[in-house]
PDB file of N, CA and C in Angstrom:
ATOM      1  N   UNK A   1     -16.134 -22.008  -8.261  1.00  0.00           N
ATOM      2  CA  UNK A   1     -15.874 -20.811  -8.836  1.00  0.00           C
ATOM      3  C   UNK A   1     -14.278 -20.550  -9.103  1.00  0.00           C
ATOM      4  N   UNK A   2     -14.013 -19.997 -10.369  1.00  0.00           N
ATOM      5  CA  UNK A   2     -12.692 -19.661 -10.673  1.00  0.00           C
ATOM      6  C   UNK A   2     -12.305 -18.287 -10.631  1.00  0.00           C
ATOM      7  N   UNK A   3     -11.303 -18.025 -10.266  1.00  0.00           N
ATOM      8  CA  UNK A   3     -10.994 -16.449 -10.060  1.00  0.00           C
ATOM      9  C   UNK A   3     -10.066 -16.343 -11.308  1.00  0.00           C
ATOM     10  N   UNK A   4     -10.575 -15.579 -12.073  1.00  0.00           N
ATOM     11  CA  UNK A   4      -9.629 -15.282 -13.374  1.00  0.00           C
ATOM     12  C   UNK A   4      -8.858 -13.773 -13.244  1.00  0.00           C
ATOM     13  N   UNK A   5      -9.321 -12.877 -12.404  1.00  0.00           N
ATOM     14  CA  UNK A   5      -8.468 -11.642 -12.364  1.00  0.00           C
ATOM     15  C   UNK A   5      -9.427 -10.722 -11.471  1.00  0.00           C
ATOM     16  N   UNK A   6      -9.206  -9.294 -11.970  1.00  0.00           N
ATOM     17  CA  UNK A   6     -10.128  -8.423 -11.179  1.00  0.00           C
ATOM     18  C   UNK A   6     -10.501  -7.233 -12.189  1.00  0.00           C
ATOM     19  N   UNK A   7     -11.532  -6.804 -12.094  1.00  0.00           N
ATOM     20  CA  UNK A   7     -12.022  -5.526 -12.765  1.00  0.00           C
ATOM     21  C   UNK A   7     -11.491  -4.133 -12.284  1.00  0.00           C
ATOM     22  N   UNK A   8     -12.091  -3.276 -12.898  1.00  0.00           N
ATOM     23  CA  UNK A   8     -11.786  -1.969 -12.632  1.00  0.00           C
ATOM     24  C   UNK A   8     -11.928  -1.450 -11.277  1.00  0.00           C
ATOM     25  N   UNK A   9     -12.893  -2.124 -10.348  1.00  0.00           N
ATOM     26  CA  UNK A   9     -13.373  -1.922  -9.155  1.00  0.00           C
ATOM     27  C   UNK A   9     -12.306  -2.699  -8.215  1.00  0.00           C
ATOM     28  N   UNK A  10     -11.506  -3.320  -8.657  1.00  0.00           N
ATOM     29  CA  UNK A  10     -10.632  -4.382  -8.022  1.00  0.00           C
ATOM     30  C   UNK A  10     -11.350  -5.440  -7.138  1.00  0.00           C
ATOM     31  N   UNK A  11     -12.624  -5.876  -8.080  1.00  0.00           N
ATOM     32  CA  UNK A  11     -13.466  -6.960  -7.407  1.00  0.00           C
ATOM     33  C   UNK A  11     -13.014  -8.325  -8.252  1.00  0.00           C
ATOM     34  N   UNK A  12     -13.048  -9.342  -7.432  1.00  0.00           N
ATOM     35  CA  UNK A  12     -12.770 -10.753  -8.046  1.00  0.00           C
ATOM     36  C   UNK A  12     -13.828 -10.906  -9.100  1.00  0.00           C
ATOM     37  N   UNK A  13     -13.513 -11.102 -10.345  1.00  0.00           N
ATOM     38  CA  UNK A  13     -14.238 -11.618 -11.478  1.00  0.00           C
ATOM     39  C   UNK A  13     -13.969 -12.894 -11.896  1.00  0.00           C
ATOM     40  N   UNK A  14     -14.942 -13.568 -12.444  1.00  0.00           N
ATOM     41  CA  UNK A  14     -14.606 -15.019 -12.886  1.00  0.00           C
ATOM     42  C   UNK A  14     -15.965 -15.575 -13.306  1.00  0.00           C
ATOM     43  N   UNK A  15     -16.025 -16.899 -13.156  1.00  0.00           N
ATOM     44  CA  UNK A  15     -17.515 -17.793 -13.669  1.00  0.00           C
ATOM     45  C   UNK A  15     -18.323 -17.705 -12.297  1.00  0.00           C
ATOM     46  N   UNK A  16     -19.351 -17.223 -12.695  1.00  0.00           N
ATOM     47  CA  UNK A  16     -20.357 -16.946 -11.528  1.00  0.00           C
ATOM     48  C   UNK A  16     -21.253 -18.265 -11.262  1.00  0.00           C
ATOM     49  N   UNK A  17     -21.359 -18.322 -10.186  1.00  0.00           N
ATOM     50  CA  UNK A  17     -22.274 -19.782  -9.783  1.00  0.00           C
ATOM     51  C   UNK A  17     -22.408 -19.917  -8.414  1.00  0.00           C
ATOM     52  N   UNK A  18     -22.935 -20.871  -7.773  1.00  0.00           N
ATOM     53  CA  UNK A  18     -23.170 -21.004  -6.445  1.00  0.00           C
ATOM     54  C   UNK A  18     -21.959 -22.130  -6.156  1.00  0.00           C
ATOM     55  N   UNK A  19     -21.323 -21.769  -4.835  1.00  0.00           N
ATOM     56  CA  UNK A  19     -20.354 -22.599  -4.383  1.00  0.00           C
ATOM     57  C   UNK A  19     -20.951 -23.502  -3.356  1.00  0.00           C
ATOM     58  N   UNK A  20     -21.082 -24.821  -3.853  1.00  0.00           N
ATOM     59  CA  UNK A  20     -21.600 -26.048  -3.272  1.00  0.00           C
ATOM     60  C   UNK A  20     -20.972 -26.316  -1.922  1.00  0.00           C
ATOM     61  N   UNK A  21     -19.652 -26.318  -1.909  1.00  0.00           N
ATOM     62  CA  UNK A  21     -18.935 -26.885  -0.721  1.00  0.00           C
ATOM     63  C   UNK A  21     -18.825 -25.682   0.364  1.00  0.00           C
ATOM     64  N   UNK A  22     -19.163 -25.807   1.615  1.00  0.00           N
ATOM     65  CA  UNK A  22     -19.295 -24.740   2.347  1.00  0.00           C
ATOM     66  C   UNK A  22     -17.924 -24.299   2.898  1.00  0.00           C
ATOM     67  N   UNK A  23     -17.015 -25.252   2.920  1.00  0.00           N
ATOM     68  CA  UNK A  23     -15.702 -24.988   3.282  1.00  0.00           C
ATOM     69  C   UNK A  23     -14.965 -24.135   2.162  1.00  0.00           C
ATOM     70  N   UNK A  24     -15.102 -24.365   0.909  1.00  0.00           N
ATOM     71  CA  UNK A  24     -14.676 -23.275  -0.202  1.00  0.00           C
ATOM     72  C   UNK A  24     -15.198 -21.915   0.000  1.00  0.00           C
ATOM     73  N   UNK A  25     -16.462 -22.013   0.243  1.00  0.00           N
ATOM     74  CA  UNK A  25     -17.199 -20.619   0.335  1.00  0.00           C
ATOM     75  C   UNK A  25     -16.681 -19.970   1.307  1.00  0.00           C
ATOM     76  N   UNK A  26     -16.239 -20.412   2.663  1.00  0.00           N
ATOM     77  CA  UNK A  26     -15.715 -19.804   3.907  1.00  0.00           C
ATOM     78  C   UNK A  26     -14.378 -19.394   3.391  1.00  0.00           C
ATOM     79  N   UNK A  27     -13.632 -20.169   2.777  1.00  0.00           N
ATOM     80  CA  UNK A  27     -12.257 -20.053   2.622  1.00  0.00           C
ATOM     81  C   UNK A  27     -12.116 -18.711   1.474  1.00  0.00           C
ATOM     82  N   UNK A  28     -12.888 -18.894   0.520  1.00  0.00           N
ATOM     83  CA  UNK A  28     -12.926 -17.776  -0.549  1.00  0.00           C
ATOM     84  C   UNK A  28     -13.377 -16.560   0.254  1.00  0.00           C
ATOM     85  N   UNK A  29     -14.376 -16.536   1.238  1.00  0.00           N
ATOM     86  CA  UNK A  29     -14.828 -15.107   1.719  1.00  0.00           C
ATOM     87  C   UNK A  29     -13.550 -14.641   2.888  1.00  0.00           C
ATOM     88  N   UNK A  30     -12.914 -15.652   3.276  1.00  0.00           N
ATOM     89  CA  UNK A  30     -11.743 -15.214   4.289  1.00  0.00           C
ATOM     90  C   UNK A  30     -10.813 -14.634   3.470  1.00  0.00           C
ATOM     91  N   UNK A  31     -10.351 -15.154   2.234  1.00  0.00           N
ATOM     92  CA  UNK A  31      -9.341 -14.826   1.492  1.00  0.00           C
ATOM     93  C   UNK A  31      -9.649 -13.167   0.739  1.00  0.00           C
ATOM     94  N   UNK A  32     -11.020 -13.046   0.518  1.00  0.00           N
ATOM     95  CA  UNK A  32     -11.520 -11.942   0.009  1.00  0.00           C
ATOM     96  C   UNK A  32     -11.353 -10.579   1.166  1.00  0.00           C
ATOM     97  N   UNK A  33     -11.638 -10.997   2.390  1.00  0.00           N
ATOM     98  CA  UNK A  33     -11.593 -10.249   3.559  1.00  0.00           C
ATOM     99  C   UNK A  33     -10.143  -9.924   3.842  1.00  0.00           C
ATOM    100  N   UNK A  34      -9.210 -10.940   3.694  1.00  0.00           N
ATOM    101  CA  UNK A  34      -7.920 -10.751   4.134  1.00  0.00           C
ATOM    102  C   UNK A  34      -7.240  -9.843   3.007  1.00  0.00           C
ATOM    103  N   UNK A  35      -7.833  -9.813   1.744  1.00  0.00           N
ATOM    104  CA  UNK A  35      -7.404  -9.003   0.482  1.00  0.00           C
ATOM    105  C   UNK A  35      -7.884  -7.468   0.842  1.00  0.00           C
ATOM    106  N   UNK A  36      -9.096  -7.313   1.313  1.00  0.00           N
ATOM    107  CA  UNK A  36      -9.467  -5.847   1.572  1.00  0.00           C
ATOM    108  C   UNK A  36      -8.720  -5.504   2.794  1.00  0.00           C
ATOM    109  N   UNK A  37      -8.169  -6.146   3.904  1.00  0.00           N
ATOM    110  CA  UNK A  37      -7.634  -5.565   4.984  1.00  0.00           C
ATOM    111  C   UNK A  37      -6.128  -5.336   4.568  1.00  0.00           C
ATOM    112  N   UNK A  38      -5.531  -6.007   3.745  1.00  0.00           N
ATOM    113  CA  UNK A  38      -4.219  -5.650   3.222  1.00  0.00           C
ATOM    114  C   UNK A  38      -4.194  -4.291   2.477  1.00  0.00           C
ATOM    115  N   UNK A  39      -5.419  -4.124   1.617  1.00  0.00           N
ATOM    116  CA  UNK A  39      -5.412  -2.957   0.777  1.00  0.00           C
ATOM    117  C   UNK A  39      -5.696  -1.826   1.681  1.00  0.00           C
ATOM    118  N   UNK A  40      -6.624  -1.910   2.837  1.00  0.00           N
ATOM    119  CA  UNK A  40      -6.934  -0.834   3.857  1.00  0.00           C
ATOM    120  C   UNK A  40      -5.629  -0.457   4.393  1.00  0.00           C
ATOM    121  N   UNK A  41      -4.726  -1.433   4.971  1.00  0.00           N
ATOM    122  CA  UNK A  41      -3.387  -1.013   5.397  1.00  0.00           C
ATOM    123  C   UNK A  41      -2.560  -0.458   4.489  1.00  0.00           C
ATOM    124  N   UNK A  42      -2.338  -0.807   3.372  1.00  0.00           N
ATOM    125  CA  UNK A  42      -1.413  -0.128   2.303  1.00  0.00           C
ATOM    126  C   UNK A  42      -2.036   1.409   2.219  1.00  0.00           C
ATOM    127  N   UNK A  43      -3.196   1.542   1.993  1.00  0.00           N
ATOM    128  CA  UNK A  43      -3.802   2.967   1.405  1.00  0.00           C
ATOM    129  C   UNK A  43      -3.766   3.745   2.910  1.00  0.00           C
ATOM    130  N   UNK A  44      -3.927   3.092   3.972  1.00  0.00           N
ATOM    131  CA  UNK A  44      -4.040   4.020   5.261  1.00  0.00           C
ATOM    132  C   UNK A  44      -2.767   4.221   5.941  1.00  0.00           C
ATOM    133  N   UNK A  45      -1.766   3.436   5.701  1.00  0.00           N
ATOM    134  CA  UNK A  45      -0.649   3.529   6.522  1.00  0.00           C
ATOM    135  C   UNK A  45       0.821   3.629   5.740  1.00  0.00           C
ATOM    136  N   UNK A  46       0.903   2.706   4.925  1.00  0.00           N
ATOM    137  CA  UNK A  46       2.219   2.685   4.010  1.00  0.00           C
ATOM    138  C   UNK A  46       2.165   3.848   2.866  1.00  0.00           C
ATOM    139  N   UNK A  47       1.012   4.055   2.141  1.00  0.00           N
ATOM    140  CA  UNK A  47       0.934   5.080   1.239  1.00  0.00           C
ATOM    141  C   UNK A  47       1.370   6.397   2.015  1.00  0.00           C
ATOM    142  N   UNK A  48       0.729   7.089   2.920  1.00  0.00           N
ATOM    143  CA  UNK A  48       0.859   8.138   3.471  1.00  0.00           C
ATOM    144  C   UNK A  48       2.552   8.300   4.078  1.00  0.00           C
ATOM    145  N   UNK A  49       2.884   7.257   4.363  1.00  0.00           N
ATOM    146  CA  UNK A  49       4.280   7.193   5.170  1.00  0.00           C
ATOM    147  C   UNK A  49       5.369   7.280   3.790  1.00  0.00           C
ATOM    148  N   UNK A  50       4.945   6.676   2.914  1.00  0.00           N
ATOM    149  CA  UNK A  50       6.073   6.882   1.698  1.00  0.00           C
ATOM    150  C   UNK A  50       5.764   8.399   1.013  1.00  0.00           C
ATOM    151  N   UNK A  51       4.362   8.891   1.244  1.00  0.00           N
ATOM    152  CA  UNK A  51       4.369  10.253   0.540  1.00  0.00           C
ATOM    153  C   UNK A  51       4.926  11.356   1.539  1.00  0.00           C
ATOM    154  N   UNK A  52       4.988  11.188   2.815  1.00  0.00           N
ATOM    155  CA  UNK A  52       5.709  11.898   3.860  1.00  0.00           C
ATOM    156  C   UNK A  52       7.208  11.791   3.494  1.00  0.00           C
ATOM    157  N   UNK A  53       7.856  10.688   3.242  1.00  0.00           N
ATOM    158  CA  UNK A  53       9.176  10.555   3.019  1.00  0.00           C
ATOM    159  C   UNK A  53       9.605  11.094   1.773  1.00  0.00           C
ATOM    160  N   UNK A  54       8.794  11.114   0.757  1.00  0.00           N
ATOM    161  CA  UNK A  54       9.051  11.518  -0.491  1.00  0.00           C
ATOM    162  C   UNK A  54       8.822  13.210  -0.360  1.00  0.00           C
ATOM    163  N   UNK A  55       7.946  13.751   0.120  1.00  0.00           N
ATOM    164  CA  UNK A  55       7.898  15.044   0.261  1.00  0.00           C
ATOM    165  C   UNK A  55       9.311  15.766   1.169  1.00  0.00           C
ATOM    166  N   UNK A  56       9.443  14.808   2.346  1.00  0.00           N
ATOM    167  CA  UNK A  56      10.602  15.517   3.159  1.00  0.00           C
ATOM    168  C   UNK A  56      11.990  15.337   2.183  1.00  0.00           C
ATOM    169  N   UNK A  57      12.064  14.329   1.261  1.00  0.00           N
ATOM    170  CA  UNK A  57      13.266  14.356   0.395  1.00  0.00           C
ATOM    171  C   UNK A  57      13.331  15.496  -0.382  1.00  0.00           C
ATOM    172  N   UNK A  58      12.113  15.796  -1.134  1.00  0.00           N
ATOM    173  CA  UNK A  58      12.178  16.944  -2.003  1.00  0.00           C
ATOM    174  C   UNK A  58      12.513  18.366  -1.247  1.00  0.00           C
ATOM    175  N   UNK A  59      11.859  18.186   0.052  1.00  0.00           N
ATOM    176  CA  UNK A  59      12.196  19.762   0.725  1.00  0.00           C
ATOM    177  C   UNK A  59      13.753  19.827   1.122  1.00  0.00           C
ATOM    178  N   UNK A  60      14.332  18.660   1.571  1.00  0.00           N
ATOM    179  CA  UNK A  60      15.789  18.412   1.884  1.00  0.00           C
ATOM    180  C   UNK A  60      16.687  18.968   0.713  1.00  0.00           C
ATOM    181  N   UNK A  61      16.206  18.185  -0.601  1.00  0.00           N
ATOM    182  CA  UNK A  61      16.840  18.698  -1.834  1.00  0.00           C
ATOM    183  C   UNK A  61      16.776  20.295  -1.938  1.00  0.00           C
ATOM    184  N   UNK A  62      15.618  20.618  -2.109  1.00  0.00           N
ATOM    185  CA  UNK A  62      15.460  22.175  -2.350  1.00  0.00           C
ATOM    186  C   UNK A  62      16.310  23.135  -1.223  1.00  0.00           C
ATOM    187  N   UNK A  63      16.441  22.578   0.115  1.00  0.00           N
ATOM    188  CA  UNK A  63      17.124  23.272   1.126  1.00  0.00           C
ATOM    189  C   UNK A  63      18.505  23.355   0.712  1.00  0.00           C
ATOM    190  N   UNK A  64      19.140  22.018   0.353  1.00  0.00           N
ATOM    191  CA  UNK A  64      20.446  21.798  -0.032  1.00  0.00           C
ATOM    192  C   UNK A  64      20.909  22.694  -1.236  1.00  0.00           C
ATOM    193  N   UNK A  65      19.945  22.851  -2.218  1.00  0.00           N
ATOM    194  CA  UNK A  65      20.411  23.630  -3.560  1.00  0.00           C
ATOM    195  C   UNK A  65      20.383  24.945  -3.150  1.00  0.00           C
ATOM    196  N   UNK A  66      19.321  25.741  -2.459  1.00  0.00           N
ATOM    197  CA  UNK A  66      19.426  27.013  -2.094  1.00  0.00           C
ATOM    198  C   UNK A  66      20.473  27.174  -0.973  1.00  0.00           C
ATOM    199  N   UNK A  67      20.688  26.532   0.039  1.00  0.00           N
ATOM    200  CA  UNK A  67      21.644  27.119   1.067  1.00  0.00           C
ATOM    201  C   UNK A  67      22.899  26.514   0.900  1.00  0.00           C
ATOM    202  N   UNK A  68      23.055  25.497   0.032  1.00  0.00           N
ATOM    203  CA  UNK A  68      24.252  24.967  -0.311  1.00  0.00           C
ATOM    204  C   UNK A  68      24.972  24.005   0.598  1.00  0.00           C
ATOM    205  N   UNK A  69      24.238  23.282   1.669  1.00  0.00           N
ATOM    206  CA  UNK A  69      24.881  22.521   2.540  1.00  0.00           C
ATOM    207  C   UNK A  69      24.245  21.146   2.336  1.00  0.00           C
ATOM    208  N   UNK A  70      24.815  20.121   2.601  1.00  0.00           N
ATOM    209  CA  UNK A  70      24.287  18.752   2.655  1.00  0.00           C
ATOM    210  C   UNK A  70      23.314  18.471   3.699  1.00  0.00           C
ATOM    211  N   UNK A  71      22.153  18.675   3.554  1.00  0.00           N
ATOM    212  CA  UNK A  71      21.021  18.598   4.621  1.00  0.00           C
ATOM    213  C   UNK A  71      20.469  17.303   4.772  1.00  0.00           C
ATOM    214  N   UNK A  72      20.650  16.300   3.645  1.00  0.00           N
ATOM    215  CA  UNK A  72      20.312  15.177   3.872  1.00  0.00           C
ATOM    216  C   UNK A  72      21.068  14.189   4.860  1.00  0.00           C
ATOM    217  N   UNK A  73      22.245  14.455   4.873  1.00  0.00           N
ATOM    218  CA  UNK A  73      23.047  13.583   5.816  1.00  0.00           C
ATOM    219  C   UNK A  73      22.752  14.114   7.146  1.00  0.00           C
ATOM    220  N   UNK A  74      22.776  15.639   7.507  1.00  0.00           N
ATOM    221  CA  UNK A  74      22.484  16.248   8.623  1.00  0.00           C
ATOM    222  C   UNK A  74      21.118  15.551   9.348  1.00  0.00           C
ATOM    223  N   UNK A  75      20.109  15.416   8.350  1.00  0.00           N
ATOM    224  CA  UNK A  75      18.618  15.243   8.955  1.00  0.00           C
ATOM    225  C   UNK A  75      18.715  13.768   9.137  1.00  0.00           C
ATOM    226  N   UNK A  76      19.670  12.972   8.438  1.00  0.00           N
ATOM    227  CA  UNK A  76      19.863  11.395   8.957  1.00  0.00           C
ATOM    228  C   UNK A  76      20.442  11.370  10.111  1.00  0.00           C
ATOM    229  N   UNK A  77      21.589  12.248  10.334  1.00  0.00           N
ATOM    230  CA  UNK A  77      22.264  12.046  11.661  1.00  0.00           C
ATOM    231  C   UNK A  77      21.324  12.648  12.779  1.00  0.00           C
ATOM    232  N   UNK A  78      20.639  13.585  12.620  1.00  0.00           N
ATOM    233  CA  UNK A  78      19.836  14.033  13.633  1.00  0.00           C
ATOM    234  C   UNK A  78      18.753  13.012  13.931  1.00  0.00           C
ATOM    235  N   UNK A  79      18.365  12.480  13.079  1.00  0.00           N
ATOM    236  CA  UNK A  79      17.052  11.624  13.392  1.00  0.00           C
ATOM    237  C   UNK A  79      17.600  10.175  14.000  1.00  0.00           C
ATOM    238  N   UNK A  80      18.933   9.885  14.000  1.00  0.00           N
ATOM    239  CA  UNK A  80      19.304   8.729  14.500  1.00  0.00           C
ATOM    240  C   UNK A  80      20.326   8.929  15.818  1.00  0.00           C
ATOM    241  N   UNK A  81      20.108  10.058  16.458  1.00  0.00           N
ATOM    242  CA  UNK A  81      20.789  10.438  17.780  1.00  0.00           C
ATOM    243  C   UNK A  81      19.875   9.973  18.777  1.00  0.00           C
TER     244      UNK A  81
END
């Protein structure tokens, strides 16, 4: 089986056929499962963390704009004490 890219559903597309060598089949299944696990990790952990960080940066920027203090440095210092 040749892997050529991915379709809209993020599935591997390529030449279809039977993988005759069981070692290649097991290896391909392991690669596909690892890819799914990486995507689950990114969408389940990294993306929400980045969203929280971005939201806190926006909130800090608005507070700084309205109140007139440098909240970003105060939040950073308070978080590292």
